[in-house]
Structure formats: structure tokens, C-alpha cells
């Protein structure tokens, strides 16, 4: 039961993190359209930023969570 709770909280944090990254990417990619950047360039920048930051966040955060869980397991 405890591992299910841990996994669900990990998934929830991943979803919230990806939503925040999406908001950040949209703000900085589509906000430049006010200054004359074309829509195609803004969309390309959005997806590049989304892939880059999303991948780094998912890999690093989940790796940190897994390493922490393993260390806590072996400390018991």
C-alpha cells in the first residue's frame, strides 16, 4: 500500500512539473509573437523547449526519487 501511495505521488508531481514547464514554454515562446516572431518559429521554439526541459525534469526528478527511495530502504 505504501509503494502505491509513493508511486501515485510521484506521478502527480511529474504531471504538475510538466504543466509548469508547459506554461513556462508557452509564455516565452508565444510571448515573442508580440515582437514580430512568426507563428511557425514560435511553435518550433515551444516544442524544442518543451522536449528539452521536460526530458531533463522527468529524468532527473525520477532518478532522484528512485535513489532516495533505495537509500531509505537500505537504511531501515
PDB file of N, CA and C in Angstrom:
ATOM      1  N   UNK A   1       0.820  -1.194   0.000  1.00  0.00           N
ATOM      2  CA  UNK A   1       0.000   0.000   0.000  1.00  0.00           C
ATOM      3  C   UNK A   1       0.867   1.262   0.000  1.00  0.00           C
ATOM      4  N   UNK A   2       1.962   1.213   0.734  1.00  0.00           N
ATOM      5  CA  UNK A   2       2.839   2.371   0.812  1.00  0.00           C
ATOM      6  C   UNK A   2       3.521   2.649  -0.528  1.00  0.00           C
ATOM      7  N   UNK A   3       3.856   1.589  -1.265  1.00  0.00           N
ATOM      8  CA  UNK A   3       4.506   1.785  -2.564  1.00  0.00           C
ATOM      9  C   UNK A   3       3.526   2.359  -3.593  1.00  0.00           C
ATOM     10  N   UNK A   4       2.253   2.014  -3.479  1.00  0.00           N
ATOM     11  CA  UNK A   4       1.250   2.571  -4.395  1.00  0.00           C
ATOM     12  C   UNK A   4       1.082   4.065  -4.127  1.00  0.00           C
ATOM     13  N   UNK A   5       1.066   4.438  -2.835  1.00  0.00           N
ATOM     14  CA  UNK A   5       0.946   5.843  -2.469  1.00  0.00           C
ATOM     15  C   UNK A   5       2.166   6.623  -2.971  1.00  0.00           C
ATOM     16  N   UNK A   6       3.345   6.028  -2.838  1.00  0.00           N
ATOM     17  CA  UNK A   6       4.576   6.674  -3.301  1.00  0.00           C
ATOM     18  C   UNK A   6       4.544   6.858  -4.817  1.00  0.00           C
ATOM     19  N   UNK A   7       4.116   5.834  -5.529  1.00  0.00           N
ATOM     20  CA  UNK A   7       4.056   5.901  -6.985  1.00  0.00           C
ATOM     21  C   UNK A   7       3.032   6.925  -7.467  1.00  0.00           C
ATOM     22  N   UNK A   8       1.870   6.982  -6.822  1.00  0.00           N
ATOM     23  CA  UNK A   8       0.857   7.962  -7.202  1.00  0.00           C
ATOM     24  C   UNK A   8       1.318   9.391  -6.932  1.00  0.00           C
ATOM     25  N   UNK A   9       2.020   9.599  -5.828  1.00  0.00           N
ATOM     26  CA  UNK A   9       2.531  10.938  -5.545  1.00  0.00           C
ATOM     27  C   UNK A   9       3.628  11.316  -6.532  1.00  0.00           C
ATOM     28  N   UNK A  10       4.441  10.358  -6.938  1.00  0.00           N
ATOM     29  CA  UNK A  10       5.476  10.609  -7.943  1.00  0.00           C
ATOM     30  C   UNK A  10       4.853  10.997  -9.283  1.00  0.00           C
ATOM     31  N   UNK A  11       3.803  10.302  -9.680  1.00  0.00           N
ATOM     32  CA  UNK A  11       3.107  10.619 -10.923  1.00  0.00           C
ATOM     33  C   UNK A  11       2.465  12.006 -10.848  1.00  0.00           C
ATOM     34  N   UNK A  12       1.869  12.322  -9.696  1.00  0.00           N
ATOM     35  CA  UNK A  12       1.234  13.634  -9.529  1.00  0.00           C
ATOM     36  C   UNK A  12       2.264  14.757  -9.614  1.00  0.00           C
ATOM     37  N   UNK A  13       3.419  14.577  -8.992  1.00  0.00           N
ATOM     38  CA  UNK A  13       4.469  15.596  -9.056  1.00  0.00           C
ATOM     39  C   UNK A  13       4.993  15.733 -10.482  1.00  0.00           C
ATOM     40  N   UNK A  14       5.114  14.625 -11.198  1.00  0.00           N
ATOM     41  CA  UNK A  14       5.544  14.686 -12.603  1.00  0.00           C
ATOM     42  C   UNK A  14       4.546  15.471 -13.446  1.00  0.00           C
ATOM     43  N   UNK A  15       3.270  15.247 -13.239  1.00  0.00           N
ATOM     44  CA  UNK A  15       2.249  15.949 -14.014  1.00  0.00           C
ATOM     45  C   UNK A  15       2.267  17.440 -13.709  1.00  0.00           C
ATOM     46  N   UNK A  16       2.345  17.796 -12.431  1.00  0.00           N
ATOM     47  CA  UNK A  16       2.399  19.215 -12.060  1.00  0.00           C
ATOM     48  C   UNK A  16       3.657  19.874 -12.639  1.00  0.00           C
ATOM     49  N   UNK A  17       4.779  19.179 -12.557  1.00  0.00           N
ATOM     50  CA  UNK A  17       6.015  19.715 -13.122  1.00  0.00           C
ATOM     51  C   UNK A  17       5.922  19.935 -14.622  1.00  0.00           C
ATOM     52  N   UNK A  18       5.337  18.992 -15.334  1.00  0.00           N
ATOM     53  CA  UNK A  18       5.194  19.141 -16.783  1.00  0.00           C
ATOM     54  C   UNK A  18       4.210  20.254 -17.138  1.00  0.00           C
ATOM     55  N   UNK A  19       3.181  20.441 -16.326  1.00  0.00           N
ATOM     56  CA  UNK A  19       2.250  21.553 -16.570  1.00  0.00           C
ATOM     57  C   UNK A  19       2.962  22.886 -16.391  1.00  0.00           C
ATOM     58  N   UNK A  20       3.768  23.005 -15.341  1.00  0.00           N
ATOM     59  CA  UNK A  20       4.524  24.239 -15.124  1.00  0.00           C
ATOM     60  C   UNK A  20       5.537  24.497 -16.240  1.00  0.00           C
ATOM     61  N   UNK A  21       6.175  23.445 -16.723  1.00  0.00           N
ATOM     62  CA  UNK A  21       7.110  23.586 -17.839  1.00  0.00           C
ATOM     63  C   UNK A  21       6.373  24.021 -19.094  1.00  0.00           C
ATOM     64  N   UNK A  22       5.166  23.492 -19.325  1.00  0.00           N
ATOM     65  CA  UNK A  22       4.374  23.877 -20.483  1.00  0.00           C
ATOM     66  C   UNK A  22       3.977  25.345 -20.418  1.00  0.00           C
ATOM     67  N   UNK A  23       3.572  25.806 -19.234  1.00  0.00           N
ATOM     68  CA  UNK A  23       3.220  27.223 -19.075  1.00  0.00           C
ATOM     69  C   UNK A  23       4.441  28.103 -19.325  1.00  0.00           C
ATOM     70  N   UNK A  24       5.579  27.722 -18.783  1.00  0.00           N
ATOM     71  CA  UNK A  24       6.822  28.470 -18.991  1.00  0.00           C
ATOM     72  C   UNK A  24       7.190  28.516 -20.481  1.00  0.00           C
ATOM     73  N   UNK A  25       7.118  27.366 -21.145  1.00  0.00           N
ATOM     74  CA  UNK A  25       7.462  27.299 -22.566  1.00  0.00           C
ATOM     75  C   UNK A  25       6.513  28.143 -23.408  1.00  0.00           C
ATOM     76  N   UNK A  26       5.230  28.062 -23.105  1.00  0.00           N
ATOM     77  CA  UNK A  26       4.253  28.833 -23.871  1.00  0.00           C
ATOM     78  C   UNK A  26       4.458  30.328 -23.671  1.00  0.00           C
ATOM     79  N   UNK A  27       4.731  30.741 -22.447  1.00  0.00           N
ATOM     80  CA  UNK A  27       4.918  32.164 -22.161  1.00  0.00           C
ATOM     81  C   UNK A  27       6.114  32.722 -22.920  1.00  0.00           C
ATOM     82  N   UNK A  28       7.233  32.021 -22.868  1.00  0.00           N
ATOM     83  CA  UNK A  28       8.430  32.550 -23.503  1.00  0.00           C
ATOM     84  C   UNK A  28       8.496  32.298 -25.002  1.00  0.00           C
ATOM     85  N   UNK A  29       7.767  31.315 -25.504  1.00  0.00           N
ATOM     86  CA  UNK A  29       7.779  31.063 -26.943  1.00  0.00           C
ATOM     87  C   UNK A  29       6.750  31.915 -27.677  1.00  0.00           C
ATOM     88  N   UNK A  30       5.526  31.948 -27.166  1.00  0.00           N
ATOM     89  CA  UNK A  30       4.468  32.679 -27.854  1.00  0.00           C
ATOM     90  C   UNK A  30       4.422  34.150 -27.457  1.00  0.00           C
ATOM     91  N   UNK A  31       5.061  34.501 -26.363  1.00  0.00           N
ATOM     92  CA  UNK A  31       5.139  35.903 -25.976  1.00  0.00           C
ATOM     93  C   UNK A  31       5.971  36.715 -26.945  1.00  0.00           C
ATOM     94  N   UNK A  32       6.914  36.071 -27.621  1.00  0.00           N
ATOM     95  CA  UNK A  32       7.753  36.775 -28.598  1.00  0.00           C
ATOM     96  C   UNK A  32       6.983  37.124 -29.866  1.00  0.00           C
ATOM     97  N   UNK A  33       5.797  36.563 -30.042  1.00  0.00           N
ATOM     98  CA  UNK A  33       4.997  36.906 -31.221  1.00  0.00           C
ATOM     99  C   UNK A  33       4.562  38.371 -31.171  1.00  0.00           C
ATOM    100  N   UNK A  34       4.525  38.947 -29.980  1.00  0.00           N
ATOM    101  CA  UNK A  34       4.194  40.365 -29.852  1.00  0.00           C
ATOM    102  C   UNK A  34       5.271  41.252 -30.478  1.00  0.00           C
ATOM    103  N   UNK A  35       6.475  40.707 -30.566  1.00  0.00           N
ATOM    104  CA  UNK A  35       7.599  41.478 -31.093  1.00  0.00           C
ATOM    105  C   UNK A  35       7.958  41.101 -32.526  1.00  0.00           C
ATOM    106  N   UNK A  36       7.086  40.373 -33.217  1.00  0.00           N
ATOM    107  CA  UNK A  36       7.280  40.115 -34.627  1.00  0.00           C
ATOM    108  C   UNK A  36       7.760  38.733 -35.004  1.00  0.00           C
ATOM    109  N   UNK A  37       7.900  37.821 -34.051  1.00  0.00           N
ATOM    110  CA  UNK A  37       8.297  36.457 -34.397  1.00  0.00           C
ATOM    111  C   UNK A  37       7.106  35.754 -35.029  1.00  0.00           C
ATOM    112  N   UNK A  38       7.329  35.028 -36.111  1.00  0.00           N
ATOM    113  CA  UNK A  38       6.241  34.344 -36.812  1.00  0.00           C
ATOM    114  C   UNK A  38       5.746  33.148 -36.005  1.00  0.00           C
ATOM    115  N   UNK A  39       4.537  32.748 -36.287  1.00  0.00           N
ATOM    116  CA  UNK A  39       3.912  31.649 -35.556  1.00  0.00           C
ATOM    117  C   UNK A  39       4.695  30.353 -35.719  1.00  0.00           C
ATOM    118  N   UNK A  40       5.212  30.079 -36.902  1.00  0.00           N
ATOM    119  CA  UNK A  40       5.959  28.838 -37.124  1.00  0.00           C
ATOM    120  C   UNK A  40       7.218  28.801 -36.260  1.00  0.00           C
ATOM    121  N   UNK A  41       7.898  29.913 -36.159  1.00  0.00           N
ATOM    122  CA  UNK A  41       9.092  29.975 -35.317  1.00  0.00           C
ATOM    123  C   UNK A  41       8.751  29.828 -33.847  1.00  0.00           C
ATOM    124  N   UNK A  42       7.636  30.422 -33.430  1.00  0.00           N
ATOM    125  CA  UNK A  42       7.211  30.329 -32.038  1.00  0.00           C
ATOM    126  C   UNK A  42       6.817  28.895 -31.677  1.00  0.00           C
ATOM    127  N   UNK A  43       6.122  28.221 -32.585  1.00  0.00           N
ATOM    128  CA  UNK A  43       5.725  26.834 -32.336  1.00  0.00           C
ATOM    129  C   UNK A  43       6.953  25.937 -32.267  1.00  0.00           C
ATOM    130  N   UNK A  44       7.907  26.147 -33.164  1.00  0.00           N
ATOM    131  CA  UNK A  44       9.139  25.353 -33.152  1.00  0.00           C
ATOM    132  C   UNK A  44       9.907  25.579 -31.851  1.00  0.00           C
ATOM    133  N   UNK A  45      10.030  26.831 -31.419  1.00  0.00           N
ATOM    134  CA  UNK A  45      10.698  27.124 -30.153  1.00  0.00           C
ATOM    135  C   UNK A  45       9.964  26.497 -28.970  1.00  0.00           C
ATOM    136  N   UNK A  46       8.633  26.537 -29.011  1.00  0.00           N
ATOM    137  CA  UNK A  46       7.838  25.945 -27.936  1.00  0.00           C
ATOM    138  C   UNK A  46       8.126  24.461 -27.794  1.00  0.00           C
ATOM    139  N   UNK A  47       8.077  23.721 -28.905  1.00  0.00           N
ATOM    140  CA  UNK A  47       8.287  22.274 -28.823  1.00  0.00           C
ATOM    141  C   UNK A  47       9.723  21.928 -28.460  1.00  0.00           C
ATOM    142  N   UNK A  48      10.684  22.701 -28.953  1.00  0.00           N
ATOM    143  CA  UNK A  48      12.071  22.439 -28.574  1.00  0.00           C
ATOM    144  C   UNK A  48      12.277  22.643 -27.079  1.00  0.00           C
ATOM    145  N   UNK A  49      11.727  23.722 -26.554  1.00  0.00           N
ATOM    146  CA  UNK A  49      11.846  23.983 -25.121  1.00  0.00           C
ATOM    147  C   UNK A  49      11.104  22.938 -24.310  1.00  0.00           C
ATOM    148  N   UNK A  50       9.939  22.551 -24.793  1.00  0.00           N
ATOM    149  CA  UNK A  50       9.140  21.544 -24.097  1.00  0.00           C
ATOM    150  C   UNK A  50       9.873  20.208 -24.018  1.00  0.00           C
ATOM    151  N   UNK A  51      10.436  19.768 -25.132  1.00  0.00           N
ATOM    152  CA  UNK A  51      11.174  18.497 -25.134  1.00  0.00           C
ATOM    153  C   UNK A  51      12.407  18.571 -24.253  1.00  0.00           C
ATOM    154  N   UNK A  52      13.159  19.648 -24.367  1.00  0.00           N
ATOM    155  CA  UNK A  52      14.399  19.776 -23.619  1.00  0.00           C
ATOM    156  C   UNK A  52      14.137  19.828 -22.112  1.00  0.00           C
ATOM    157  N   UNK A  53      13.322  20.763 -21.670  1.00  0.00           N
ATOM    158  CA  UNK A  53      13.077  20.909 -20.236  1.00  0.00           C
ATOM    159  C   UNK A  53      12.267  19.744 -19.665  1.00  0.00           C
ATOM    160  N   UNK A  54      11.302  19.252 -20.429  1.00  0.00           N
ATOM    161  CA  UNK A  54      10.500  18.120 -19.960  1.00  0.00           C
ATOM    162  C   UNK A  54      11.323  16.870 -19.771  1.00  0.00           C
ATOM    163  N   UNK A  55      12.204  16.588 -20.708  1.00  0.00           N
ATOM    164  CA  UNK A  55      13.057  15.407 -20.611  1.00  0.00           C
ATOM    165  C   UNK A  55      14.016  15.514 -19.437  1.00  0.00           C
ATOM    166  N   UNK A  56      14.637  16.669 -19.293  1.00  0.00           N
ATOM    167  CA  UNK A  56      15.568  16.864 -18.180  1.00  0.00           C
ATOM    168  C   UNK A  56      14.835  16.738 -16.852  1.00  0.00           C
ATOM    169  N   UNK A  57      13.656  17.344 -16.734  1.00  0.00           N
ATOM    170  CA  UNK A  57      12.892  17.274 -15.489  1.00  0.00           C
ATOM    171  C   UNK A  57      12.501  15.841 -15.159  1.00  0.00           C
ATOM    172  N   UNK A  58      11.924  15.133 -16.119  1.00  0.00           N
ATOM    173  CA  UNK A  58      11.452  13.765 -15.866  1.00  0.00           C
ATOM    174  C   UNK A  58      12.604  12.856 -15.471  1.00  0.00           C
ATOM    175  N   UNK A  59      13.687  12.909 -16.209  1.00  0.00           N
ATOM    176  CA  UNK A  59      14.820  12.023 -15.928  1.00  0.00           C
ATOM    177  C   UNK A  59      15.447  12.352 -14.568  1.00  0.00           C
ATOM    178  N   UNK A  60      15.761  13.613 -14.346  1.00  0.00           N
ATOM    179  CA  UNK A  60      16.446  13.994 -13.106  1.00  0.00           C
ATOM    180  C   UNK A  60      15.561  13.803 -11.878  1.00  0.00           C
ATOM    181  N   UNK A  61      14.326  14.234 -11.936  1.00  0.00           N
ATOM    182  CA  UNK A  61      13.448  14.121 -10.778  1.00  0.00           C
ATOM    183  C   UNK A  61      13.165  12.665 -10.433  1.00  0.00           C
ATOM    184  N   UNK A  62      12.860  11.857 -11.439  1.00  0.00           N
ATOM    185  CA  UNK A  62      12.562  10.455 -11.154  1.00  0.00           C
ATOM    186  C   UNK A  62      13.804   9.706 -10.683  1.00  0.00           C
ATOM    187  N   UNK A  63      14.953  10.034 -11.235  1.00  0.00           N
ATOM    188  CA  UNK A  63      16.192   9.412 -10.784  1.00  0.00           C
ATOM    189  C   UNK A  63      16.472   9.774  -9.326  1.00  0.00           C
ATOM    190  N   UNK A  64      16.283  11.030  -8.983  1.00  0.00           N
ATOM    191  CA  UNK A  64      16.463  11.462  -7.601  1.00  0.00           C
ATOM    192  C   UNK A  64      15.484  10.765  -6.664  1.00  0.00           C
ATOM    193  N   UNK A  65      14.237  10.633  -7.071  1.00  0.00           N
ATOM    194  CA  UNK A  65      13.234   9.970  -6.235  1.00  0.00           C
ATOM    195  C   UNK A  65      13.554   8.489  -6.049  1.00  0.00           C
ATOM    196  N   UNK A  66      13.992   7.833  -7.098  1.00  0.00           N
ATOM    197  CA  UNK A  66      14.319   6.410  -7.009  1.00  0.00           C
ATOM    198  C   UNK A  66      15.550   6.185  -6.137  1.00  0.00           C
ATOM    199  N   UNK A  67      16.577   7.000  -6.310  1.00  0.00           N
ATOM    200  CA  UNK A  67      17.785   6.869  -5.491  1.00  0.00           C
ATOM    201  C   UNK A  67      17.455   7.122  -4.023  1.00  0.00           C
ATOM    202  N   UNK A  68      16.642   8.132  -3.749  1.00  0.00           N
ATOM    203  CA  UNK A  68      16.247   8.420  -2.372  1.00  0.00           C
ATOM    204  C   UNK A  68      15.465   7.254  -1.768  1.00  0.00           C
ATOM    205  N   UNK A  69      14.566   6.656  -2.523  1.00  0.00           N
ATOM    206  CA  UNK A  69      13.784   5.524  -2.027  1.00  0.00           C
ATOM    207  C   UNK A  69      14.686   4.323  -1.747  1.00  0.00           C
ATOM    208  N   UNK A  70      15.655   4.088  -2.604  1.00  0.00           N
ATOM    209  CA  UNK A  70      16.571   2.968  -2.389  1.00  0.00           C
ATOM    210  C   UNK A  70      17.429   3.195  -1.144  1.00  0.00           C
ATOM    211  N   UNK A  71      17.927   4.410  -0.975  1.00  0.00           N
ATOM    212  CA  UNK A  71      18.739   4.716   0.216  1.00  0.00           C
ATOM    213  C   UNK A  71      17.911   4.563   1.481  1.00  0.00           C
ATOM    214  N   UNK A  72      16.672   5.057   1.471  1.00  0.00           N
ATOM    215  CA  UNK A  72      15.813   4.915   2.647  1.00  0.00           C
ATOM    216  C   UNK A  72      15.493   3.448   2.941  1.00  0.00           C
ATOM    217  N   UNK A  73      15.335   2.656   1.887  1.00  0.00           N
ATOM    218  CA  UNK A  73      15.042   1.236   2.074  1.00  0.00           C
ATOM    219  C   UNK A  73      16.209   0.523   2.744  1.00  0.00           C
ATOM    220  N   UNK A  74      17.442   0.822   2.311  1.00  0.00           N
ATOM    221  CA  UNK A  74      18.594   0.159   2.867  1.00  0.00           C
ATOM    222  C   UNK A  74      18.999   0.709   4.234  1.00  0.00           C
ATOM    223  N   UNK A  75      18.559   1.921   4.589  1.00  0.00           N
ATOM    224  CA  UNK A  75      18.832   2.465   5.920  1.00  0.00           C
ATOM    225  C   UNK A  75      18.000   1.761   6.987  1.00  0.00           C
ATOM    226  N   UNK A  76      16.848   1.250   6.576  1.00  0.00           N
ATOM    227  CA  UNK A  76      15.994   0.522   7.525  1.00  0.00           C
ATOM    228  C   UNK A  76      16.680  -0.775   7.869  1.00  0.00           C
TER     229      UNK A  76
END
